[in-house]
């Protein structure tokens, strides 16, 4: 069984979106919107999270260069998929909950 939800995105922009009921997660690259919806509802079932809409975006890796004494080393950051999950009005989830189920 693959892990669909990898981790929540906790940035200033994502935290501002939380006030509108939109939560951002980094998800598996092959996950579909329906799989993401069921995974969020299952993971936060104790908080009665009802997903209204899921939007996804694939963030492509950026090239990175490292300058050494003798050469330039090329590399890149990893490509990942981001999911924007919108909940029903009035419902919220606690993504900072540290207890394991």
PDB file of N, CA and C in Angstrom:
ATOM      1  N   UNK A   1       0.847  -1.186   0.000  1.00  0.00           N
ATOM      2  CA  UNK A   1       0.000   0.000   0.000  1.00  0.00           C
ATOM      3  C   UNK A   1       0.887   1.241   0.000  1.00  0.00           C
ATOM      4  N   UNK A   2       0.636   2.135  -0.935  1.00  0.00           N
ATOM      5  CA  UNK A   2       1.465   3.330  -1.022  1.00  0.00           C
ATOM      6  C   UNK A   2       0.932   4.421  -0.104  1.00  0.00           C
ATOM      7  N   UNK A   3       1.833   5.245   0.360  1.00  0.00           N
ATOM      8  CA  UNK A   3       1.461   6.377   1.190  1.00  0.00           C
ATOM      9  C   UNK A   3       1.095   7.531   0.266  1.00  0.00           C
ATOM     10  N   UNK A   4      -0.138   7.970   0.342  1.00  0.00           N
ATOM     11  CA  UNK A   4      -0.595   9.034  -0.551  1.00  0.00           C
ATOM     12  C   UNK A   4      -0.196  10.398  -0.007  1.00  0.00           C
ATOM     13  N   UNK A   5      -0.522  10.669   1.251  1.00  0.00           N
ATOM     14  CA  UNK A   5      -0.158  11.945   1.868  1.00  0.00           C
ATOM     15  C   UNK A   5       1.229  11.816   2.475  1.00  0.00           C
ATOM     16  N   UNK A   6       2.178  12.589   1.982  1.00  0.00           N
ATOM     17  CA  UNK A   6       3.532  12.520   2.525  1.00  0.00           C
ATOM     18  C   UNK A   6       3.703  13.457   3.712  1.00  0.00           C
ATOM     19  N   UNK A   7       3.392  14.747   3.525  1.00  0.00           N
ATOM     20  CA  UNK A   7       3.506  15.702   4.631  1.00  0.00           C
ATOM     21  C   UNK A   7       2.735  16.969   4.287  1.00  0.00           C
ATOM     22  N   UNK A   8       2.295  17.699   5.304  1.00  0.00           N
ATOM     23  CA  UNK A   8       1.639  18.980   5.033  1.00  0.00           C
ATOM     24  C   UNK A   8       2.675  20.060   4.733  1.00  0.00           C
ATOM     25  N   UNK A   9       2.275  21.037   3.963  1.00  0.00           N
ATOM     26  CA  UNK A   9       3.136  22.176   3.656  1.00  0.00           C
ATOM     27  C   UNK A   9       2.834  23.257   4.683  1.00  0.00           C
ATOM     28  N   UNK A  10       3.864  23.665   5.418  1.00  0.00           N
ATOM     29  CA  UNK A  10       3.691  24.679   6.454  1.00  0.00           C
ATOM     30  C   UNK A  10       4.570  25.873   6.085  1.00  0.00           C
ATOM     31  N   UNK A  11       3.993  26.773   5.310  1.00  0.00           N
ATOM     32  CA  UNK A  11       4.660  28.009   4.930  1.00  0.00           C
ATOM     33  C   UNK A  11       3.721  29.161   5.269  1.00  0.00           C
ATOM     34  N   UNK A  12       4.207  30.363   5.118  1.00  0.00           N
ATOM     35  CA  UNK A  12       3.377  31.532   5.415  1.00  0.00           C
ATOM     36  C   UNK A  12       2.166  31.593   4.480  1.00  0.00           C
ATOM     37  N   UNK A  13       2.388  31.295   3.219  1.00  0.00           N
ATOM     38  CA  UNK A  13       1.303  31.329   2.244  1.00  0.00           C
ATOM     39  C   UNK A  13       0.286  30.212   2.505  1.00  0.00           C
ATOM     40  N   UNK A  14       0.768  29.008   2.816  1.00  0.00           N
ATOM     41  CA  UNK A  14      -0.135  27.886   3.081  1.00  0.00           C
ATOM     42  C   UNK A  14      -0.920  28.100   4.369  1.00  0.00           C
ATOM     43  N   UNK A  15      -0.299  28.700   5.374  1.00  0.00           N
ATOM     44  CA  UNK A  15      -0.993  28.978   6.630  1.00  0.00           C
ATOM     45  C   UNK A  15      -2.080  30.030   6.423  1.00  0.00           C
ATOM     46  N   UNK A  16      -1.841  30.997   5.547  1.00  0.00           N
ATOM     47  CA  UNK A  16      -2.870  31.990   5.236  1.00  0.00           C
ATOM     48  C   UNK A  16      -4.048  31.338   4.515  1.00  0.00           C
ATOM     49  N   UNK A  17      -3.785  30.325   3.710  1.00  0.00           N
ATOM     50  CA  UNK A  17      -4.851  29.612   3.010  1.00  0.00           C
ATOM     51  C   UNK A  17      -5.681  28.762   3.970  1.00  0.00           C
ATOM     52  N   UNK A  18      -5.080  28.342   5.099  1.00  0.00           N
ATOM     53  CA  UNK A  18      -5.803  27.536   6.086  1.00  0.00           C
ATOM     54  C   UNK A  18      -7.004  28.283   6.647  1.00  0.00           C
ATOM     55  N   UNK A  19      -6.927  29.598   6.736  1.00  0.00           N
ATOM     56  CA  UNK A  19      -8.042  30.392   7.255  1.00  0.00           C
ATOM     57  C   UNK A  19      -9.265  30.312   6.349  1.00  0.00           C
ATOM     58  N   UNK A  20      -9.053  30.042   5.060  1.00  0.00           N
ATOM     59  CA  UNK A  20     -10.154  29.904   4.107  1.00  0.00           C
ATOM     60  C   UNK A  20     -10.593  28.453   3.940  1.00  0.00           C
ATOM     61  N   UNK A  21     -10.029  27.549   4.730  1.00  0.00           N
ATOM     62  CA  UNK A  21     -10.414  26.144   4.649  1.00  0.00           C
ATOM     63  C   UNK A  21      -9.660  25.353   3.607  1.00  0.00           C
ATOM     64  N   UNK A  22      -8.540  25.887   3.107  1.00  0.00           N
ATOM     65  CA  UNK A  22      -7.726  25.191   2.112  1.00  0.00           C
ATOM     66  C   UNK A  22      -6.430  24.747   2.781  1.00  0.00           C
ATOM     67  N   UNK A  23      -6.122  23.451   2.668  1.00  0.00           N
ATOM     68  CA  UNK A  23      -4.921  22.887   3.269  1.00  0.00           C
ATOM     69  C   UNK A  23      -4.048  22.324   2.155  1.00  0.00           C
ATOM     70  N   UNK A  24      -2.729  22.471   2.311  1.00  0.00           N
ATOM     71  CA  UNK A  24      -1.785  22.080   1.271  1.00  0.00           C
ATOM     72  C   UNK A  24      -0.967  20.895   1.769  1.00  0.00           C
ATOM     73  N   UNK A  25      -0.869  19.855   0.930  1.00  0.00           N
ATOM     74  CA  UNK A  25      -0.109  18.658   1.258  1.00  0.00           C
ATOM     75  C   UNK A  25       0.816  18.313   0.103  1.00  0.00           C
ATOM     76  N   UNK A  26       1.968  17.728   0.431  1.00  0.00           N
ATOM     77  CA  UNK A  26       2.807  17.108  -0.585  1.00  0.00           C
ATOM     78  C   UNK A  26       2.347  15.661  -0.664  1.00  0.00           C
ATOM     79  N   UNK A  27       2.039  15.207  -1.879  1.00  0.00           N
ATOM     80  CA  UNK A  27       1.458  13.883  -2.065  1.00  0.00           C
ATOM     81  C   UNK A  27       2.312  13.068  -3.029  1.00  0.00           C
ATOM     82  N   UNK A  28       1.978  11.787  -3.141  1.00  0.00           N
ATOM     83  CA  UNK A  28       2.642  10.895  -4.083  1.00  0.00           C
ATOM     84  C   UNK A  28       2.393  11.387  -5.510  1.00  0.00           C
ATOM     85  N   UNK A  29       3.404  11.273  -6.376  1.00  0.00           N
ATOM     86  CA  UNK A  29       3.293  11.804  -7.732  1.00  0.00           C
ATOM     87  C   UNK A  29       2.215  11.111  -8.563  1.00  0.00           C
ATOM     88  N   UNK A  30       1.910   9.859  -8.250  1.00  0.00           N
ATOM     89  CA  UNK A  30       0.928   9.109  -9.033  1.00  0.00           C
ATOM     90  C   UNK A  30      -0.464   9.120  -8.407  1.00  0.00           C
ATOM     91  N   UNK A  31      -0.655   9.858  -7.321  1.00  0.00           N
ATOM     92  CA  UNK A  31      -1.949   9.891  -6.635  1.00  0.00           C
ATOM     93  C   UNK A  31      -2.957  10.705  -7.440  1.00  0.00           C
ATOM     94  N   UNK A  32      -4.191  10.202  -7.490  1.00  0.00           N
ATOM     95  CA  UNK A  32      -5.262  10.916  -8.181  1.00  0.00           C
ATOM     96  C   UNK A  32      -6.013  11.793  -7.183  1.00  0.00           C
ATOM     97  N   UNK A  33      -6.880  12.661  -7.708  1.00  0.00           N
ATOM     98  CA  UNK A  33      -7.645  13.551  -6.839  1.00  0.00           C
ATOM     99  C   UNK A  33      -8.599  12.762  -5.947  1.00  0.00           C
ATOM    100  N   UNK A  34      -9.183  11.694  -6.475  1.00  0.00           N
ATOM    101  CA  UNK A  34     -10.102  10.872  -5.680  1.00  0.00           C
ATOM    102  C   UNK A  34      -9.357  10.165  -4.549  1.00  0.00           C
ATOM    103  N   UNK A  35      -8.153   9.666  -4.825  1.00  0.00           N
ATOM    104  CA  UNK A  35      -7.348   9.016  -3.789  1.00  0.00           C
ATOM    105  C   UNK A  35      -6.935  10.009  -2.710  1.00  0.00           C
ATOM    106  N   UNK A  36      -6.593  11.223  -3.108  1.00  0.00           N
ATOM    107  CA  UNK A  36      -6.198  12.253  -2.144  1.00  0.00           C
ATOM    108  C   UNK A  36      -7.382  12.610  -1.254  1.00  0.00           C
ATOM    109  N   UNK A  37      -8.564  12.731  -1.849  1.00  0.00           N
ATOM    110  CA  UNK A  37      -9.769  13.065  -1.087  1.00  0.00           C
ATOM    111  C   UNK A  37     -10.063  11.997  -0.034  1.00  0.00           C
ATOM    112  N   UNK A  38     -10.034  10.733  -0.420  1.00  0.00           N
ATOM    113  CA  UNK A  38     -10.322   9.664   0.547  1.00  0.00           C
ATOM    114  C   UNK A  38      -9.238   9.565   1.608  1.00  0.00           C
ATOM    115  N   UNK A  39      -7.979   9.823   1.237  1.00  0.00           N
ATOM    116  CA  UNK A  39      -6.886   9.751   2.207  1.00  0.00           C
ATOM    117  C   UNK A  39      -7.013  10.840   3.270  1.00  0.00           C
ATOM    118  N   UNK A  40      -7.384  12.053   2.861  1.00  0.00           N
ATOM    119  CA  UNK A  40      -7.545  13.149   3.825  1.00  0.00           C
ATOM    120  C   UNK A  40      -8.733  12.875   4.737  1.00  0.00           C
ATOM    121  N   UNK A  41      -9.845  12.427   4.158  1.00  0.00           N
ATOM    122  CA  UNK A  41     -11.029  12.144   4.975  1.00  0.00           C
ATOM    123  C   UNK A  41     -10.787  10.990   5.936  1.00  0.00           C
ATOM    124  N   UNK A  42      -9.992  10.006   5.517  1.00  0.00           N
ATOM    125  CA  UNK A  42      -9.690   8.866   6.390  1.00  0.00           C
ATOM    126  C   UNK A  42      -8.709   9.266   7.493  1.00  0.00           C
ATOM    127  N   UNK A  43      -7.687  10.057   7.141  1.00  0.00           N
ATOM    128  CA  UNK A  43      -6.672  10.441   8.116  1.00  0.00           C
ATOM    129  C   UNK A  43      -7.237  11.370   9.189  1.00  0.00           C
ATOM    130  N   UNK A  44      -8.124  12.262   8.793  1.00  0.00           N
ATOM    131  CA  UNK A  44      -8.697  13.221   9.729  1.00  0.00           C
ATOM    132  C   UNK A  44     -10.171  12.914   9.998  1.00  0.00           C
ATOM    133  N   UNK A  45     -10.524  11.637  10.059  1.00  0.00           N
ATOM    134  CA  UNK A  45     -11.911  11.220  10.295  1.00  0.00           C
ATOM    135  C   UNK A  45     -12.379  11.611  11.690  1.00  0.00           C
ATOM    136  N   UNK A  46     -11.463  11.606  12.672  1.00  0.00           N
ATOM    137  CA  UNK A  46     -11.848  11.976  14.038  1.00  0.00           C
ATOM    138  C   UNK A  46     -12.196  13.463  14.151  1.00  0.00           C
ATOM    139  N   UNK A  47     -11.757  14.280  13.192  1.00  0.00           N
ATOM    140  CA  UNK A  47     -12.059  15.715  13.197  1.00  0.00           C
ATOM    141  C   UNK A  47     -13.185  16.062  12.222  1.00  0.00           C
ATOM    142  N   UNK A  48     -13.845  15.050  11.664  1.00  0.00           N
ATOM    143  CA  UNK A  48     -14.967  15.217  10.730  1.00  0.00           C
ATOM    144  C   UNK A  48     -14.615  16.120   9.553  1.00  0.00           C
ATOM    145  N   UNK A  49     -13.526  15.790   8.871  1.00  0.00           N
ATOM    146  CA  UNK A  49     -13.097  16.566   7.711  1.00  0.00           C
ATOM    147  C   UNK A  49     -13.837  16.076   6.472  1.00  0.00           C
ATOM    148  N   UNK A  50     -14.588  16.956   5.842  1.00  0.00           N
ATOM    149  CA  UNK A  50     -15.299  16.650   4.602  1.00  0.00           C
ATOM    150  C   UNK A  50     -14.680  17.477   3.482  1.00  0.00           C
ATOM    151  N   UNK A  51     -14.099  16.798   2.505  1.00  0.00           N
ATOM    152  CA  UNK A  51     -13.404  17.471   1.412  1.00  0.00           C
ATOM    153  C   UNK A  51     -14.409  17.859   0.333  1.00  0.00           C
ATOM    154  N   UNK A  52     -14.353  19.123  -0.080  1.00  0.00           N
ATOM    155  CA  UNK A  52     -15.231  19.631  -1.131  1.00  0.00           C
ATOM    156  C   UNK A  52     -14.530  19.569  -2.483  1.00  0.00           C
ATOM    157  N   UNK A  53     -13.263  20.020  -2.526  1.00  0.00           N
ATOM    158  CA  UNK A  53     -12.549  20.119  -3.791  1.00  0.00           C
ATOM    159  C   UNK A  53     -11.069  19.835  -3.575  1.00  0.00           C
ATOM    160  N   UNK A  54     -10.432  19.215  -4.585  1.00  0.00           N
ATOM    161  CA  UNK A  54      -8.992  18.953  -4.562  1.00  0.00           C
ATOM    162  C   UNK A  54      -8.399  19.498  -5.853  1.00  0.00           C
ATOM    163  N   UNK A  55      -7.365  20.330  -5.712  1.00  0.00           N
ATOM    164  CA  UNK A  55      -6.607  20.821  -6.862  1.00  0.00           C
ATOM    165  C   UNK A  55      -5.182  20.315  -6.715  1.00  0.00           C
ATOM    166  N   UNK A  56      -4.537  19.963  -7.813  1.00  0.00           N
ATOM    167  CA  UNK A  56      -3.176  19.442  -7.753  1.00  0.00           C
ATOM    168  C   UNK A  56      -2.263  20.254  -8.663  1.00  0.00           C
ATOM    169  N   UNK A  57      -0.984  20.238  -8.317  1.00  0.00           N
ATOM    170  CA  UNK A  57       0.033  20.902  -9.130  1.00  0.00           C
ATOM    171  C   UNK A  57       1.309  20.085  -9.043  1.00  0.00           C
ATOM    172  N   UNK A  58       1.954  19.886 -10.181  1.00  0.00           N
ATOM    173  CA  UNK A  58       3.242  19.205 -10.202  1.00  0.00           C
ATOM    174  C   UNK A  58       4.320  20.280 -10.242  1.00  0.00           C
ATOM    175  N   UNK A  59       5.197  20.257  -9.238  1.00  0.00           N
ATOM    176  CA  UNK A  59       6.280  21.230  -9.127  1.00  0.00           C
ATOM    177  C   UNK A  59       7.546  20.558  -9.647  1.00  0.00           C
ATOM    178  N   UNK A  60       8.043  21.030 -10.772  1.00  0.00           N
ATOM    179  CA  UNK A  60       9.211  20.426 -11.389  1.00  0.00           C
ATOM    180  C   UNK A  60      10.486  20.880 -10.683  1.00  0.00           C
ATOM    181  N   UNK A  61      11.494  19.999 -10.676  1.00  0.00           N
ATOM    182  CA  UNK A  61      12.762  20.293 -10.032  1.00  0.00           C
ATOM    183  C   UNK A  61      13.521  21.401 -10.741  1.00  0.00           C
ATOM    184  N   UNK A  62      14.268  22.151  -9.960  1.00  0.00           N
ATOM    185  CA  UNK A  62      15.037  23.259 -10.512  1.00  0.00           C
ATOM    186  C   UNK A  62      16.507  22.859 -10.584  1.00  0.00           C
ATOM    187  N   UNK A  63      17.226  23.343 -11.587  1.00  0.00           N
ATOM    188  CA  UNK A  63      18.651  23.018 -11.665  1.00  0.00           C
ATOM    189  C   UNK A  63      19.445  23.746 -10.580  1.00  0.00           C
ATOM    190  N   UNK A  64      20.414  23.065 -10.040  1.00  0.00           N
ATOM    191  CA  UNK A  64      21.292  23.634  -9.015  1.00  0.00           C
ATOM    192  C   UNK A  64      22.738  23.396  -9.438  1.00  0.00           C
ATOM    193  N   UNK A  65      23.581  24.345  -9.137  1.00  0.00           N
ATOM    194  CA  UNK A  65      24.997  24.243  -9.465  1.00  0.00           C
ATOM    195  C   UNK A  65      25.814  24.431  -8.204  1.00  0.00           C
ATOM    196  N   UNK A  66      26.892  23.672  -8.101  1.00  0.00           N
ATOM    197  CA  UNK A  66      27.802  23.780  -6.968  1.00  0.00           C
ATOM    198  C   UNK A  66      29.196  24.036  -7.522  1.00  0.00           C
ATOM    199  N   UNK A  67      29.786  25.114  -7.090  1.00  0.00           N
ATOM    200  CA  UNK A  67      31.091  25.508  -7.600  1.00  0.00           C
ATOM    201  C   UNK A  67      32.177  25.020  -6.651  1.00  0.00           C
ATOM    202  N   UNK A  68      33.013  24.120  -7.135  1.00  0.00           N
ATOM    203  CA  UNK A  68      34.128  23.584  -6.365  1.00  0.00           C
ATOM    204  C   UNK A  68      35.429  24.194  -6.882  1.00  0.00           C
ATOM    205  N   UNK A  69      36.536  23.840  -6.254  1.00  0.00           N
ATOM    206  CA  UNK A  69      37.825  24.402  -6.674  1.00  0.00           C
ATOM    207  C   UNK A  69      38.201  23.970  -8.088  1.00  0.00           C
ATOM    208  N   UNK A  70      37.894  22.721  -8.423  1.00  0.00           N
ATOM    209  CA  UNK A  70      38.347  22.197  -9.707  1.00  0.00           C
ATOM    210  C   UNK A  70      37.249  22.063 -10.757  1.00  0.00           C
ATOM    211  N   UNK A  71      35.982  22.069 -10.357  1.00  0.00           N
ATOM    212  CA  UNK A  71      34.919  21.823 -11.334  1.00  0.00           C
ATOM    213  C   UNK A  71      33.596  22.415 -10.856  1.00  0.00           C
ATOM    214  N   UNK A  72      32.641  22.383 -11.742  1.00  0.00           N
ATOM    215  CA  UNK A  72      31.271  22.779 -11.415  1.00  0.00           C
ATOM    216  C   UNK A  72      30.424  21.510 -11.426  1.00  0.00           C
ATOM    217  N   UNK A  73      29.738  21.245 -10.340  1.00  0.00           N
ATOM    218  CA  UNK A  73      28.890  20.064 -10.238  1.00  0.00           C
ATOM    219  C   UNK A  73      27.450  20.477 -10.494  1.00  0.00           C
ATOM    220  N   UNK A  74      26.791  19.757 -11.406  1.00  0.00           N
ATOM    221  CA  UNK A  74      25.396  20.042 -11.721  1.00  0.00           C
ATOM    222  C   UNK A  74      24.498  19.071 -10.976  1.00  0.00           C
ATOM    223  N   UNK A  75      23.332  19.533 -10.620  1.00  0.00           N
ATOM    224  CA  UNK A  75      22.329  18.698  -9.977  1.00  0.00           C
ATOM    225  C   UNK A  75      20.975  19.365 -10.131  1.00  0.00           C
ATOM    226  N   UNK A  76      19.983  18.819  -9.448  1.00  0.00           N
ATOM    227  CA  UNK A  76      18.663  19.432  -9.492  1.00  0.00           C
ATOM    228  C   UNK A  76      17.872  19.010  -8.269  1.00  0.00           C
ATOM    229  N   UNK A  77      16.867  19.803  -7.928  1.00  0.00           N
ATOM    230  CA  UNK A  77      15.982  19.442  -6.833  1.00  0.00           C
ATOM    231  C   UNK A  77      14.951  18.444  -7.357  1.00  0.00           C
ATOM    232  N   UNK A  78      14.277  17.771  -6.462  1.00  0.00           N
ATOM    233  CA  UNK A  78      13.324  16.737  -6.843  1.00  0.00           C
ATOM    234  C   UNK A  78      12.009  17.338  -7.333  1.00  0.00           C
ATOM    235  N   UNK A  79      11.358  16.621  -8.235  1.00  0.00           N
ATOM    236  CA  UNK A  79      10.021  16.972  -8.686  1.00  0.00           C
ATOM    237  C   UNK A  79       9.022  16.372  -7.707  1.00  0.00           C
ATOM    238  N   UNK A  80       7.985  17.142  -7.352  1.00  0.00           N
ATOM    239  CA  UNK A  80       6.983  16.632  -6.425  1.00  0.00           C
ATOM    240  C   UNK A  80       5.608  17.152  -6.808  1.00  0.00           C
ATOM    241  N   UNK A  81       4.589  16.562  -6.180  1.00  0.00           N
ATOM    242  CA  UNK A  81       3.205  16.936  -6.457  1.00  0.00           C
ATOM    243  C   UNK A  81       2.599  17.547  -5.216  1.00  0.00           C
ATOM    244  N   UNK A  82       1.903  18.666  -5.404  1.00  0.00           N
ATOM    245  CA  UNK A  82       1.271  19.381  -4.308  1.00  0.00           C
ATOM    246  C   UNK A  82      -0.238  19.296  -4.486  1.00  0.00           C
ATOM    247  N   UNK A  83      -0.967  19.090  -3.384  1.00  0.00           N
ATOM    248  CA  UNK A  83      -2.427  19.030  -3.439  1.00  0.00           C
ATOM    249  C   UNK A  83      -3.008  20.120  -2.553  1.00  0.00           C
ATOM    250  N   UNK A  84      -3.961  20.863  -3.102  1.00  0.00           N
ATOM    251  CA  UNK A  84      -4.683  21.893  -2.364  1.00  0.00           C
ATOM    252  C   UNK A  84      -6.063  21.321  -2.055  1.00  0.00           C
ATOM    253  N   UNK A  85      -6.318  21.043  -0.781  1.00  0.00           N
ATOM    254  CA  UNK A  85      -7.551  20.385  -0.359  1.00  0.00           C
ATOM    255  C   UNK A  85      -8.453  21.419   0.298  1.00  0.00           C
ATOM    256  N   UNK A  86      -9.655  21.589  -0.253  1.00  0.00           N
ATOM    257  CA  UNK A  86     -10.615  22.536   0.315  1.00  0.00           C
ATOM    258  C   UNK A  86     -11.665  21.760   1.092  1.00  0.00           C
ATOM    259  N   UNK A  87     -11.899  22.184   2.339  1.00  0.00           N
ATOM    260  CA  UNK A  87     -12.882  21.546   3.204  1.00  0.00           C
ATOM    261  C   UNK A  87     -14.196  22.314   3.172  1.00  0.00           C
ATOM    262  N   UNK A  88     -15.246  21.673   3.728  1.00  0.00           N
ATOM    263  CA  UNK A  88     -16.543  22.335   3.841  1.00  0.00           C
ATOM    264  C   UNK A  88     -16.419  23.574   4.719  1.00  0.00           C
ATOM    265  N   UNK A  89     -17.351  24.509   4.538  1.00  0.00           N
ATOM    266  CA  UNK A  89     -17.358  25.704   5.391  1.00  0.00           C
ATOM    267  C   UNK A  89     -17.596  25.293   6.833  1.00  0.00           C
ATOM    268  N   UNK A  90     -16.844  25.875   7.734  1.00  0.00           N
ATOM    269  CA  UNK A  90     -17.009  25.601   9.158  1.00  0.00           C
ATOM    270  C   UNK A  90     -16.188  24.441   9.675  1.00  0.00           C
ATOM    271  N   UNK A  91     -15.643  23.597   8.803  1.00  0.00           N
ATOM    272  CA  UNK A  91     -14.827  22.483   9.285  1.00  0.00           C
ATOM    273  C   UNK A  91     -13.354  22.834   9.138  1.00  0.00           C
ATOM    274  N   UNK A  92     -12.560  22.321  10.059  1.00  0.00           N
ATOM    275  CA  UNK A  92     -11.122  22.583  10.053  1.00  0.00           C
ATOM    276  C   UNK A  92     -10.405  21.350  10.572  1.00  0.00           C
ATOM    277  N   UNK A  93      -9.140  21.210  10.201  1.00  0.00           N
ATOM    278  CA  UNK A  93      -8.326  20.109  10.707  1.00  0.00           C
ATOM    279  C   UNK A  93      -7.103  20.685  11.394  1.00  0.00           C
ATOM    280  N   UNK A  94      -6.584  19.934  12.340  1.00  0.00           N
ATOM    281  CA  UNK A  94      -5.392  20.345  13.071  1.00  0.00           C
ATOM    282  C   UNK A  94      -4.211  19.594  12.484  1.00  0.00           C
ATOM    283  N   UNK A  95      -3.446  20.249  11.612  1.00  0.00           N
ATOM    284  CA  UNK A  95      -2.313  19.577  10.988  1.00  0.00           C
ATOM    285  C   UNK A  95      -1.092  19.556  11.900  1.00  0.00           C
ATOM    286  N   UNK A  96      -1.147  20.283  13.018  1.00  0.00           N
ATOM    287  CA  UNK A  96      -0.037  20.300  13.958  1.00  0.00           C
ATOM    288  C   UNK A  96      -0.200  19.255  15.042  1.00  0.00           C
ATOM    289  N   UNK A  97      -1.230  18.403  14.959  1.00  0.00           N
ATOM    290  CA  UNK A  97      -1.468  17.353  15.940  1.00  0.00           C
ATOM    291  C   UNK A  97      -0.329  16.343  15.857  1.00  0.00           C
ATOM    292  N   UNK A  98       0.373  16.110  16.971  1.00  0.00           N
ATOM    293  CA  UNK A  98       1.545  15.246  16.962  1.00  0.00           C
ATOM    294  C   UNK A  98       1.261  13.835  17.441  1.00  0.00           C
ATOM    295  N   UNK A  99       0.041  13.542  17.868  1.00  0.00           N
ATOM    296  CA  UNK A  99      -0.282  12.200  18.336  1.00  0.00           C
ATOM    297  C   UNK A  99      -0.378  11.244  17.161  1.00  0.00           C
ATOM    298  N   UNK A 100       0.144  10.030  17.357  1.00  0.00           N
ATOM    299  CA  UNK A 100       0.047   8.993  16.344  1.00  0.00           C
ATOM    300  C   UNK A 100      -1.212   8.185  16.581  1.00  0.00           C
ATOM    301  N   UNK A 101      -1.905   7.838  15.528  1.00  0.00           N
ATOM    302  CA  UNK A 101      -3.146   7.059  15.661  1.00  0.00           C
ATOM    303  C   UNK A 101      -2.847   5.588  15.777  1.00  0.00           C
TER     304      UNK A 101
END
